[in-house]
Amino acid sequence: MNSKVRNKGVYSSIMEDFREIFEGVSKNYRQKLIYNLLNAVKCNNQKEFFWTVFRVLNANSDNPKVAEVSEKIGKMFPLNSSEFERVAYSIILGIMSAGGGESG
């Protein structure tokens, strides 16, 4: 296992970071994003998953938390299949737990 993701606190930290970043983002946008991310996880497609995540993070680059999260995720590579699932679900749960935003 990658020593950089052995600590379970890393997963909760990632989840909290994504919750903060997506706070106030529309519910519909988050639902569509989560659907796309879940499909990538289902296929174990790390490349598509992280391409989508970093694309979305770049769109929110005015948020100072984005650079910190991008660096944290970048330091974790390479990820084996089980590590990828843990990190991916932490990201997805963080996005899901974000509140605010209009439905449309």
PDB file of N, CA and C in Angstrom:
ATOM      1  N   MET A   1       0.843  -1.188   0.000  1.00  0.00           N
ATOM      2  CA  MET A   1       0.000   0.000   0.000  1.00  0.00           C
ATOM      3  C   MET A   1       0.880   1.241   0.000  1.00  0.00           C
ATOM      4  N   ASN A   2       0.479   2.221  -0.713  1.00  0.00           N
ATOM      5  CA  ASN A   2       1.183   3.490  -0.794  1.00  0.00           C
ATOM      6  C   ASN A   2       1.245   4.116   0.591  1.00  0.00           C
ATOM      7  N   SER A   3       2.448   4.386   1.078  1.00  0.00           N
ATOM      8  CA  SER A   3       2.603   4.926   2.436  1.00  0.00           C
ATOM      9  C   SER A   3       1.942   6.289   2.593  1.00  0.00           C
ATOM     10  N   LYS A   4       1.711   6.973   1.513  1.00  0.00           N
ATOM     11  CA  LYS A   4       1.112   8.307   1.586  1.00  0.00           C
ATOM     12  C   LYS A   4      -0.386   8.266   1.845  1.00  0.00           C
ATOM     13  N   VAL A   5      -1.019   7.107   1.657  1.00  0.00           N
ATOM     14  CA  VAL A   5      -2.452   7.008   1.914  1.00  0.00           C
ATOM     15  C   VAL A   5      -2.770   5.962   2.981  1.00  0.00           C
ATOM     16  N   ARG A   6      -1.778   5.500   3.712  1.00  0.00           N
ATOM     17  CA  ARG A   6      -2.030   4.539   4.788  1.00  0.00           C
ATOM     18  C   ARG A   6      -2.849   5.146   5.906  1.00  0.00           C
ATOM     19  N   ASN A   7      -2.606   6.389   6.185  1.00  0.00           N
ATOM     20  CA  ASN A   7      -3.281   7.064   7.278  1.00  0.00           C
ATOM     21  C   ASN A   7      -4.738   7.316   6.910  1.00  0.00           C
ATOM     22  N   LYS A   8      -5.657   6.759   7.689  1.00  0.00           N
ATOM     23  CA  LYS A   8      -7.078   6.920   7.390  1.00  0.00           C
ATOM     24  C   LYS A   8      -7.520   8.372   7.495  1.00  0.00           C
ATOM     25  N   GLY A   9      -6.763   9.187   8.221  1.00  0.00           N
ATOM     26  CA  GLY A   9      -7.076  10.607   8.323  1.00  0.00           C
ATOM     27  C   GLY A   9      -6.978  11.315   6.978  1.00  0.00           C
ATOM     28  N   VAL A  10      -6.180  10.755   6.075  1.00  0.00           N
ATOM     29  CA  VAL A  10      -6.046  11.345   4.743  1.00  0.00           C
ATOM     30  C   VAL A  10      -7.386  11.310   4.024  1.00  0.00           C
ATOM     31  N   TYR A  11      -8.120  10.213   4.166  1.00  0.00           N
ATOM     32  CA  TYR A  11      -9.402  10.074   3.482  1.00  0.00           C
ATOM     33  C   TYR A  11     -10.421  11.084   4.015  1.00  0.00           C
ATOM     34  N   SER A  12     -10.483  11.222   5.327  1.00  0.00           N
ATOM     35  CA  SER A  12     -11.438  12.181   5.898  1.00  0.00           C
ATOM     36  C   SER A  12     -11.024  13.608   5.569  1.00  0.00           C
ATOM     37  N   SER A  13      -9.726  13.854   5.478  1.00  0.00           N
ATOM     38  CA  SER A  13      -9.237  15.181   5.104  1.00  0.00           C
ATOM     39  C   SER A  13      -9.638  15.521   3.670  1.00  0.00           C
ATOM     40  N   ILE A  14      -9.478  14.554   2.776  1.00  0.00           N
ATOM     41  CA  ILE A  14      -9.869  14.759   1.378  1.00  0.00           C
ATOM     42  C   ILE A  14     -11.372  15.007   1.290  1.00  0.00           C
ATOM     43  N   MET A  15     -12.137  14.216   2.022  1.00  0.00           N
ATOM     44  CA  MET A  15     -13.598  14.376   2.005  1.00  0.00           C
ATOM     45  C   MET A  15     -13.987  15.774   2.486  1.00  0.00           C
ATOM     46  N   GLU A  16     -13.387  16.233   3.559  1.00  0.00           N
ATOM     47  CA  GLU A  16     -13.690  17.564   4.093  1.00  0.00           C
ATOM     48  C   GLU A  16     -13.267  18.667   3.116  1.00  0.00           C
ATOM     49  N   ASP A  17     -12.105  18.498   2.503  1.00  0.00           N
ATOM     50  CA  ASP A  17     -11.630  19.486   1.523  1.00  0.00           C
ATOM     51  C   ASP A  17     -12.617  19.622   0.368  1.00  0.00           C
ATOM     52  N   PHE A  18     -13.084  18.504  -0.160  1.00  0.00           N
ATOM     53  CA  PHE A  18     -14.022  18.552  -1.287  1.00  0.00           C
ATOM     54  C   PHE A  18     -15.381  19.097  -0.857  1.00  0.00           C
ATOM     55  N   ARG A  19     -15.777  18.819   0.369  1.00  0.00           N
ATOM     56  CA  ARG A  19     -17.021  19.397   0.876  1.00  0.00           C
ATOM     57  C   ARG A  19     -16.913  20.913   0.880  1.00  0.00           C
ATOM     58  N   GLU A  20     -15.788  21.438   1.358  1.00  0.00           N
ATOM     59  CA  GLU A  20     -15.586  22.886   1.391  1.00  0.00           C
ATOM     60  C   GLU A  20     -15.556  23.495  -0.010  1.00  0.00           C
ATOM     61  N   ILE A  21     -14.857  22.842  -0.924  1.00  0.00           N
ATOM     62  CA  ILE A  21     -14.734  23.366  -2.286  1.00  0.00           C
ATOM     63  C   ILE A  21     -16.085  23.415  -2.990  1.00  0.00           C
ATOM     64  N   PHE A  22     -16.920  22.410  -2.762  1.00  0.00           N
ATOM     65  CA  PHE A  22     -18.197  22.314  -3.473  1.00  0.00           C
ATOM     66  C   PHE A  22     -19.365  22.911  -2.702  1.00  0.00           C
ATOM     67  N   GLU A  23     -19.096  23.517  -1.565  1.00  0.00           N
ATOM     68  CA  GLU A  23     -20.142  24.202  -0.804  1.00  0.00           C
ATOM     69  C   GLU A  23     -20.712  25.324  -1.679  1.00  0.00           C
ATOM     70  N   GLY A  24     -22.014  25.334  -1.858  1.00  0.00           N
ATOM     71  CA  GLY A  24     -22.652  26.376  -2.652  1.00  0.00           C
ATOM     72  C   GLY A  24     -22.775  26.072  -4.136  1.00  0.00           C
ATOM     73  N   VAL A  25     -22.165  24.981  -4.599  1.00  0.00           N
ATOM     74  CA  VAL A  25     -22.284  24.586  -6.004  1.00  0.00           C
ATOM     75  C   VAL A  25     -23.655  23.941  -6.189  1.00  0.00           C
ATOM     76  N   SER A  26     -24.279  24.186  -7.310  1.00  0.00           N
ATOM     77  CA  SER A  26     -25.643  23.705  -7.528  1.00  0.00           C
ATOM     78  C   SER A  26     -25.755  22.194  -7.365  1.00  0.00           C
ATOM     79  N   LYS A  27     -26.875  21.791  -6.820  1.00  0.00           N
ATOM     80  CA  LYS A  27     -27.140  20.377  -6.563  1.00  0.00           C
ATOM     81  C   LYS A  27     -27.148  19.579  -7.863  1.00  0.00           C
ATOM     82  N   ASN A  28     -27.750  20.118  -8.909  1.00  0.00           N
ATOM     83  CA  ASN A  28     -27.803  19.410 -10.195  1.00  0.00           C
ATOM     84  C   ASN A  28     -26.410  19.175 -10.764  1.00  0.00           C
ATOM     85  N   TYR A  29     -25.548  20.192 -10.656  1.00  0.00           N
ATOM     86  CA  TYR A  29     -24.179  20.054 -11.154  1.00  0.00           C
ATOM     87  C   TYR A  29     -23.443  18.973 -10.367  1.00  0.00           C
ATOM     88  N   ARG A  30     -23.586  18.992  -9.042  1.00  0.00           N
ATOM     89  CA  ARG A  30     -22.925  18.001  -8.206  1.00  0.00           C
ATOM     90  C   ARG A  30     -23.428  16.592  -8.517  1.00  0.00           C
ATOM     91  N   GLN A  31     -24.740  16.449  -8.738  1.00  0.00           N
ATOM     92  CA  GLN A  31     -25.298  15.131  -9.059  1.00  0.00           C
ATOM     93  C   GLN A  31     -24.738  14.589 -10.367  1.00  0.00           C
ATOM     94  N   LYS A  32     -24.652  15.430 -11.378  1.00  0.00           N
ATOM     95  CA  LYS A  32     -24.104  14.999 -12.670  1.00  0.00           C
ATOM     96  C   LYS A  32     -22.631  14.621 -12.522  1.00  0.00           C
ATOM     97  N   LEU A  33     -21.893  15.422 -11.782  1.00  0.00           N
ATOM     98  CA  LEU A  33     -20.478  15.147 -11.557  1.00  0.00           C
ATOM     99  C   LEU A  33     -20.299  13.819 -10.816  1.00  0.00           C
ATOM    100  N   ILE A  34     -21.085  13.617  -9.773  1.00  0.00           N
ATOM    101  CA  ILE A  34     -21.003  12.380  -8.993  1.00  0.00           C
ATOM    102  C   ILE A  34     -21.314  11.175  -9.866  1.00  0.00           C
ATOM    103  N   TYR A  35     -22.324  11.286 -10.709  1.00  0.00           N
ATOM    104  CA  TYR A  35     -22.678  10.196 -11.629  1.00  0.00           C
ATOM    105  C   TYR A  35     -21.485   9.848 -12.517  1.00  0.00           C
ATOM    106  N   ASN A  36     -20.841  10.861 -13.092  1.00  0.00           N
ATOM    107  CA  ASN A  36     -19.688  10.625 -13.967  1.00  0.00           C
ATOM    108  C   ASN A  36     -18.518  10.009 -13.195  1.00  0.00           C
ATOM    109  N   LEU A  37     -18.290  10.494 -11.976  1.00  0.00           N
ATOM    110  CA  LEU A  37     -17.190   9.968 -11.171  1.00  0.00           C
ATOM    111  C   LEU A  37     -17.454   8.518 -10.756  1.00  0.00           C
ATOM    112  N   LEU A  38     -18.692   8.212 -10.381  1.00  0.00           N
ATOM    113  CA  LEU A  38     -19.029   6.838 -10.008  1.00  0.00           C
ATOM    114  C   LEU A  38     -18.837   5.875 -11.178  1.00  0.00           C
ATOM    115  N   ASN A  39     -19.171   6.312 -12.376  1.00  0.00           N
ATOM    116  CA  ASN A  39     -18.955   5.466 -13.554  1.00  0.00           C
ATOM    117  C   ASN A  39     -17.473   5.192 -13.767  1.00  0.00           C
ATOM    118  N   ALA A  40     -16.638   6.187 -13.560  1.00  0.00           N
ATOM    119  CA  ALA A  40     -15.190   5.998 -13.708  1.00  0.00           C
ATOM    120  C   ALA A  40     -14.659   5.028 -12.658  1.00  0.00           C
ATOM    121  N   VAL A  41     -15.169   5.144 -11.422  1.00  0.00           N
ATOM    122  CA  VAL A  41     -14.740   4.227 -10.356  1.00  0.00           C
ATOM    123  C   VAL A  41     -15.182   2.800 -10.683  1.00  0.00           C
ATOM    124  N   LYS A  42     -16.409   2.656 -11.150  1.00  0.00           N
ATOM    125  CA  LYS A  42     -16.953   1.338 -11.496  1.00  0.00           C
ATOM    126  C   LYS A  42     -16.067   0.635 -12.526  1.00  0.00           C
ATOM    127  N   CYS A  43     -15.535   1.400 -13.462  1.00  0.00           N
ATOM    128  CA  CYS A  43     -14.675   0.849 -14.517  1.00  0.00           C
ATOM    129  C   CYS A  43     -13.200   0.830 -14.102  1.00  0.00           C
ATOM    130  N   ASN A  44     -12.914   1.267 -12.872  1.00  0.00           N
ATOM    131  CA  ASN A  44     -11.549   1.389 -12.364  1.00  0.00           C
ATOM    132  C   ASN A  44     -10.688   2.239 -13.306  1.00  0.00           C
ATOM    133  N   ASN A  45     -11.285   3.290 -13.834  1.00  0.00           N
ATOM    134  CA  ASN A  45     -10.613   4.166 -14.782  1.00  0.00           C
ATOM    135  C   ASN A  45     -10.062   5.386 -14.040  1.00  0.00           C
ATOM    136  N   GLN A  46      -8.864   5.220 -13.496  1.00  0.00           N
ATOM    137  CA  GLN A  46      -8.248   6.296 -12.726  1.00  0.00           C
ATOM    138  C   GLN A  46      -7.982   7.528 -13.593  1.00  0.00           C
ATOM    139  N   LYS A  47      -7.568   7.284 -14.818  1.00  0.00           N
ATOM    140  CA  LYS A  47      -7.242   8.399 -15.710  1.00  0.00           C
ATOM    141  C   LYS A  47      -8.465   9.294 -15.920  1.00  0.00           C
ATOM    142  N   GLU A  48      -9.606   8.724 -16.254  1.00  0.00           N
ATOM    143  CA  GLU A  48     -10.823   9.501 -16.481  1.00  0.00           C
ATOM    144  C   GLU A  48     -11.299  10.160 -15.188  1.00  0.00           C
ATOM    145  N   PHE A  49     -11.235   9.417 -14.080  1.00  0.00           N
ATOM    146  CA  PHE A  49     -11.684   9.947 -12.803  1.00  0.00           C
ATOM    147  C   PHE A  49     -10.897  11.208 -12.442  1.00  0.00           C
ATOM    148  N   PHE A  50      -9.570  11.097 -12.442  1.00  0.00           N
ATOM    149  CA  PHE A  50      -8.760  12.238 -12.017  1.00  0.00           C
ATOM    150  C   PHE A  50      -8.744  13.354 -13.050  1.00  0.00           C
ATOM    151  N   TRP A  51      -8.902  13.026 -14.339  1.00  0.00           N
ATOM    152  CA  TRP A  51      -9.021  14.073 -15.348  1.00  0.00           C
ATOM    153  C   TRP A  51     -10.259  14.919 -15.034  1.00  0.00           C
ATOM    154  N   THR A  52     -11.369  14.263 -14.721  1.00  0.00           N
ATOM    155  CA  THR A  52     -12.614  14.961 -14.386  1.00  0.00           C
ATOM    156  C   THR A  52     -12.443  15.776 -13.117  1.00  0.00           C
ATOM    157  N   VAL A  53     -11.842  15.186 -12.088  1.00  0.00           N
ATOM    158  CA  VAL A  53     -11.648  15.887 -10.818  1.00  0.00           C
ATOM    159  C   VAL A  53     -10.788  17.133 -11.016  1.00  0.00           C
ATOM    160  N   PHE A  54      -9.651  16.995 -11.691  1.00  0.00           N
ATOM    161  CA  PHE A  54      -8.762  18.143 -11.869  1.00  0.00           C
ATOM    162  C   PHE A  54      -9.371  19.204 -12.790  1.00  0.00           C
ATOM    163  N   ARG A  55     -10.161  18.776 -13.759  1.00  0.00           N
ATOM    164  CA  ARG A  55     -10.851  19.739 -14.634  1.00  0.00           C
ATOM    165  C   ARG A  55     -11.813  20.588 -13.810  1.00  0.00           C
ATOM    166  N   VAL A  56     -12.558  19.935 -12.928  1.00  0.00           N
ATOM    167  CA  VAL A  56     -13.508  20.650 -12.072  1.00  0.00           C
ATOM    168  C   VAL A  56     -12.776  21.544 -11.076  1.00  0.00           C
ATOM    169  N   LEU A  57     -11.675  21.052 -10.522  1.00  0.00           N
ATOM    170  CA  LEU A  57     -10.898  21.867  -9.592  1.00  0.00           C
ATOM    171  C   LEU A  57     -10.347  23.110 -10.289  1.00  0.00           C
ATOM    172  N   ASN A  58      -9.872  22.955 -11.516  1.00  0.00           N
ATOM    173  CA  ASN A  58      -9.349  24.105 -12.262  1.00  0.00           C
ATOM    174  C   ASN A  58     -10.429  25.153 -12.507  1.00  0.00           C
ATOM    175  N   ALA A  59     -11.657  24.706 -12.667  1.00  0.00           N
ATOM    176  CA  ALA A  59     -12.766  25.642 -12.866  1.00  0.00           C
ATOM    177  C   ALA A  59     -13.047  26.434 -11.595  1.00  0.00           C
ATOM    178  N   ASN A  60     -12.595  25.926 -10.452  1.00  0.00           N
ATOM    179  CA  ASN A  60     -12.783  26.599  -9.166  1.00  0.00           C
ATOM    180  C   ASN A  60     -11.458  27.130  -8.633  1.00  0.00           C
ATOM    181  N   SER A  61     -10.543  27.470  -9.521  1.00  0.00           N
ATOM    182  CA  SER A  61      -9.194  27.843  -9.105  1.00  0.00           C
ATOM    183  C   SER A  61      -9.132  29.124  -8.271  1.00  0.00           C
ATOM    184  N   ASP A  62     -10.226  29.884  -8.217  1.00  0.00           N
ATOM    185  CA  ASP A  62     -10.242  31.078  -7.375  1.00  0.00           C
ATOM    186  C   ASP A  62     -10.345  30.721  -5.892  1.00  0.00           C
ATOM    187  N   ASN A  63     -10.688  29.477  -5.596  1.00  0.00           N
ATOM    188  CA  ASN A  63     -10.775  28.993  -4.217  1.00  0.00           C
ATOM    189  C   ASN A  63      -9.365  28.583  -3.767  1.00  0.00           C
ATOM    190  N   PRO A  64      -8.852  29.174  -2.693  1.00  0.00           N
ATOM    191  CA  PRO A  64      -7.484  28.854  -2.252  1.00  0.00           C
ATOM    192  C   PRO A  64      -7.292  27.397  -1.827  1.00  0.00           C
ATOM    193  N   LYS A  65      -8.357  26.723  -1.490  1.00  0.00           N
ATOM    194  CA  LYS A  65      -8.290  25.322  -1.072  1.00  0.00           C
ATOM    195  C   LYS A  65      -7.939  24.400  -2.244  1.00  0.00           C
ATOM    196  N   VAL A  66      -8.242  24.833  -3.456  1.00  0.00           N
ATOM    197  CA  VAL A  66      -8.050  23.997  -4.647  1.00  0.00           C
ATOM    198  C   VAL A  66      -6.583  23.612  -4.844  1.00  0.00           C
ATOM    199  N   ALA A  67      -5.685  24.569  -4.716  1.00  0.00           N
ATOM    200  CA  ALA A  67      -4.261  24.267  -4.920  1.00  0.00           C
ATOM    201  C   ALA A  67      -3.767  23.269  -3.887  1.00  0.00           C
ATOM    202  N   GLU A  68      -4.199  23.438  -2.652  1.00  0.00           N
ATOM    203  CA  GLU A  68      -3.809  22.531  -1.571  1.00  0.00           C
ATOM    204  C   GLU A  68      -4.294  21.107  -1.844  1.00  0.00           C
ATOM    205  N   VAL A  69      -5.552  20.986  -2.264  1.00  0.00           N
ATOM    206  CA  VAL A  69      -6.141  19.669  -2.540  1.00  0.00           C
ATOM    207  C   VAL A  69      -5.474  19.035  -3.758  1.00  0.00           C
ATOM    208  N   SER A  70      -5.237  19.807  -4.794  1.00  0.00           N
ATOM    209  CA  SER A  70      -4.591  19.277  -6.000  1.00  0.00           C
ATOM    210  C   SER A  70      -3.214  18.729  -5.678  1.00  0.00           C
ATOM    211  N   GLU A  71      -2.475  19.444  -4.861  1.00  0.00           N
ATOM    212  CA  GLU A  71      -1.135  18.989  -4.475  1.00  0.00           C
ATOM    213  C   GLU A  71      -1.225  17.718  -3.634  1.00  0.00           C
ATOM    214  N   LYS A  72      -2.170  17.674  -2.704  1.00  0.00           N
ATOM    215  CA  LYS A  72      -2.350  16.506  -1.842  1.00  0.00           C
ATOM    216  C   LYS A  72      -2.655  15.256  -2.679  1.00  0.00           C
ATOM    217  N   ILE A  73      -3.540  15.397  -3.646  1.00  0.00           N
ATOM    218  CA  ILE A  73      -3.901  14.255  -4.496  1.00  0.00           C
ATOM    219  C   ILE A  73      -2.721  13.859  -5.383  1.00  0.00           C
ATOM    220  N   GLY A  74      -2.027  14.843  -5.925  1.00  0.00           N
ATOM    221  CA  GLY A  74      -0.888  14.560  -6.797  1.00  0.00           C
ATOM    222  C   GLY A  74       0.228  13.788  -6.114  1.00  0.00           C
ATOM    223  N   LYS A  75       0.412  14.004  -4.822  1.00  0.00           N
ATOM    224  CA  LYS A  75       1.467  13.315  -4.076  1.00  0.00           C
ATOM    225  C   LYS A  75       1.141  11.853  -3.792  1.00  0.00           C
ATOM    226  N   MET A  76      -0.078  11.432  -4.030  1.00  0.00           N
ATOM    227  CA  MET A  76      -0.499  10.066  -3.706  1.00  0.00           C
ATOM    228  C   MET A  76      -0.165   9.050  -4.783  1.00  0.00           C
ATOM    229  N   PHE A  77       0.134   9.498  -5.983  1.00  0.00           N
ATOM    230  CA  PHE A  77       0.328   8.577  -7.093  1.00  0.00           C
ATOM    231  C   PHE A  77       1.626   7.818  -6.971  1.00  0.00           C
ATOM    232  N   PRO A  78       1.696   6.603  -7.481  1.00  0.00           N
ATOM    233  CA  PRO A  78       0.625   5.837  -8.105  1.00  0.00           C
ATOM    234  C   PRO A  78      -0.262   5.169  -7.052  1.00  0.00           C
ATOM    235  N   LEU A  79      -1.493   4.896  -7.431  1.00  0.00           N
ATOM    236  CA  LEU A  79      -2.465   4.257  -6.539  1.00  0.00           C
ATOM    237  C   LEU A  79      -2.804   2.869  -7.066  1.00  0.00           C
ATOM    238  N   ASN A  80      -2.838   1.889  -6.169  1.00  0.00           N
ATOM    239  CA  ASN A  80      -3.331   0.585  -6.602  1.00  0.00           C
ATOM    240  C   ASN A  80      -4.853   0.643  -6.604  1.00  0.00           C
ATOM    241  N   SER A  81      -5.492  -0.424  -7.013  1.00  0.00           N
ATOM    242  CA  SER A  81      -6.940  -0.426  -7.199  1.00  0.00           C
ATOM    243  C   SER A  81      -7.707  -0.110  -5.910  1.00  0.00           C
ATOM    244  N   SER A  82      -7.322  -0.722  -4.802  1.00  0.00           N
ATOM    245  CA  SER A  82      -8.064  -0.479  -3.551  1.00  0.00           C
ATOM    246  C   SER A  82      -7.814   0.929  -3.020  1.00  0.00           C
ATOM    247  N   GLU A  83      -6.596   1.431  -3.162  1.00  0.00           N
ATOM    248  CA  GLU A  83      -6.314   2.810  -2.749  1.00  0.00           C
ATOM    249  C   GLU A  83      -7.111   3.793  -3.592  1.00  0.00           C
ATOM    250  N   PHE A  84      -7.165   3.513  -4.898  1.00  0.00           N
ATOM    251  CA  PHE A  84      -7.932   4.373  -5.789  1.00  0.00           C
ATOM    252  C   PHE A  84      -9.384   4.440  -5.351  1.00  0.00           C
ATOM    253  N   GLU A  85      -9.969   3.295  -5.039  1.00  0.00           N
ATOM    254  CA  GLU A  85     -11.368   3.283  -4.610  1.00  0.00           C
ATOM    255  C   GLU A  85     -11.567   4.097  -3.337  1.00  0.00           C
ATOM    256  N   ARG A  86     -10.668   3.960  -2.381  1.00  0.00           N
ATOM    257  CA  ARG A  86     -10.794   4.712  -1.127  1.00  0.00           C
ATOM    258  C   ARG A  86     -10.704   6.221  -1.362  1.00  0.00           C
ATOM    259  N   VAL A  87      -9.720   6.623  -2.148  1.00  0.00           N
ATOM    260  CA  VAL A  87      -9.562   8.051  -2.442  1.00  0.00           C
ATOM    261  C   VAL A  87     -10.761   8.554  -3.241  1.00  0.00           C
ATOM    262  N   ALA A  88     -11.170   7.782  -4.233  1.00  0.00           N
ATOM    263  CA  ALA A  88     -12.285   8.192  -5.093  1.00  0.00           C
ATOM    264  C   ALA A  88     -13.570   8.347  -4.285  1.00  0.00           C
ATOM    265  N   TYR A  89     -13.864   7.388  -3.432  1.00  0.00           N
ATOM    266  CA  TYR A  89     -15.087   7.495  -2.635  1.00  0.00           C
ATOM    267  C   TYR A  89     -14.999   8.615  -1.610  1.00  0.00           C
ATOM    268  N   SER A  90     -13.821   8.928  -1.126  1.00  0.00           N
ATOM    269  CA  SER A  90     -13.663  10.081  -0.227  1.00  0.00           C
ATOM    270  C   SER A  90     -13.999  11.376  -0.956  1.00  0.00           C
ATOM    271  N   ILE A  91     -13.531  11.479  -2.199  1.00  0.00           N
ATOM    272  CA  ILE A  91     -13.827  12.657  -3.020  1.00  0.00           C
ATOM    273  C   ILE A  91     -15.323  12.738  -3.285  1.00  0.00           C
ATOM    274  N   ILE A  92     -15.905  11.626  -3.703  1.00  0.00           N
ATOM    275  CA  ILE A  92     -17.336  11.598  -4.030  1.00  0.00           C
ATOM    276  C   ILE A  92     -18.186  11.927  -2.808  1.00  0.00           C
ATOM    277  N   LEU A  93     -17.859  11.344  -1.662  1.00  0.00           N
ATOM    278  CA  LEU A  93     -18.623  11.637  -0.439  1.00  0.00           C
ATOM    279  C   LEU A  93     -18.487  13.098  -0.025  1.00  0.00           C
ATOM    280  N   GLY A  94     -17.313  13.665  -0.237  1.00  0.00           N
ATOM    281  CA  GLY A  94     -17.125  15.084   0.055  1.00  0.00           C
ATOM    282  C   GLY A  94     -18.014  15.960  -0.808  1.00  0.00           C
ATOM    283  N   ILE A  95     -18.077  15.637  -2.094  1.00  0.00           N
ATOM    284  CA  ILE A  95     -18.937  16.405  -3.015  1.00  0.00           C
ATOM    285  C   ILE A  95     -20.400  16.228  -2.629  1.00  0.00           C
ATOM    286  N   MET A  96     -20.778  14.995  -2.292  1.00  0.00           N
ATOM    287  CA  MET A  96     -22.162  14.733  -1.910  1.00  0.00           C
ATOM    288  C   MET A  96     -22.564  15.472  -0.626  1.00  0.00           C
ATOM    289  N   SER A  97     -21.622  15.609   0.292  1.00  0.00           N
ATOM    290  CA  SER A  97     -21.950  16.227   1.576  1.00  0.00           C
ATOM    291  C   SER A  97     -21.965  17.751   1.541  1.00  0.00           C
ATOM    292  N   ALA A  98     -21.516  18.327   0.430  1.00  0.00           N
ATOM    293  CA  ALA A  98     -21.544  19.782   0.303  1.00  0.00           C
ATOM    294  C   ALA A  98     -22.975  20.258   0.253  1.00  0.00           C
ATOM    295  N   GLY A  99     -23.231  21.362   0.881  1.00  0.00           N
ATOM    296  CA  GLY A  99     -24.582  21.903   0.896  1.00  0.00           C
ATOM    297  C   GLY A  99     -24.674  23.169   0.068  1.00  0.00           C
ATOM    298  N   GLY A 100     -25.851  23.721   0.075  1.00  0.00           N
ATOM    299  CA  GLY A 100     -26.060  24.990  -0.626  1.00  0.00           C
ATOM    300  C   GLY A 100     -26.233  24.809  -2.106  1.00  0.00           C
ATOM    301  N   GLY A 101     -26.307  25.901  -2.780  1.00  0.00           N
ATOM    302  CA  GLY A 101     -26.489  25.865  -4.227  1.00  0.00           C
ATOM    303  C   GLY A 101     -27.938  25.646  -4.583  1.00  0.00           C
ATOM    304  N   GLU A 102     -28.334  26.197  -5.682  1.00  0.00           N
ATOM    305  CA  GLU A 102     -29.699  26.027  -6.165  1.00  0.00           C
ATOM    306  C   GLU A 102     -29.799  24.698  -6.896  1.00  0.00           C
ATOM    307  N   SER A 103     -31.007  24.228  -7.055  1.00  0.00           N
ATOM    308  CA  SER A 103     -31.235  22.977  -7.777  1.00  0.00           C
ATOM    309  C   SER A 103     -30.994  23.116  -9.260  1.00  0.00           C
ATOM    310  N   GLY A 104     -31.042  24.298  -9.766  1.00  0.00           N
ATOM    311  CA  GLY A 104     -30.895  24.469 -11.210  1.00  0.00           C
ATOM    312  C   GLY A 104     -29.619  25.018 -11.653  1.00  0.00           C
TER     313      GLY A 104
END
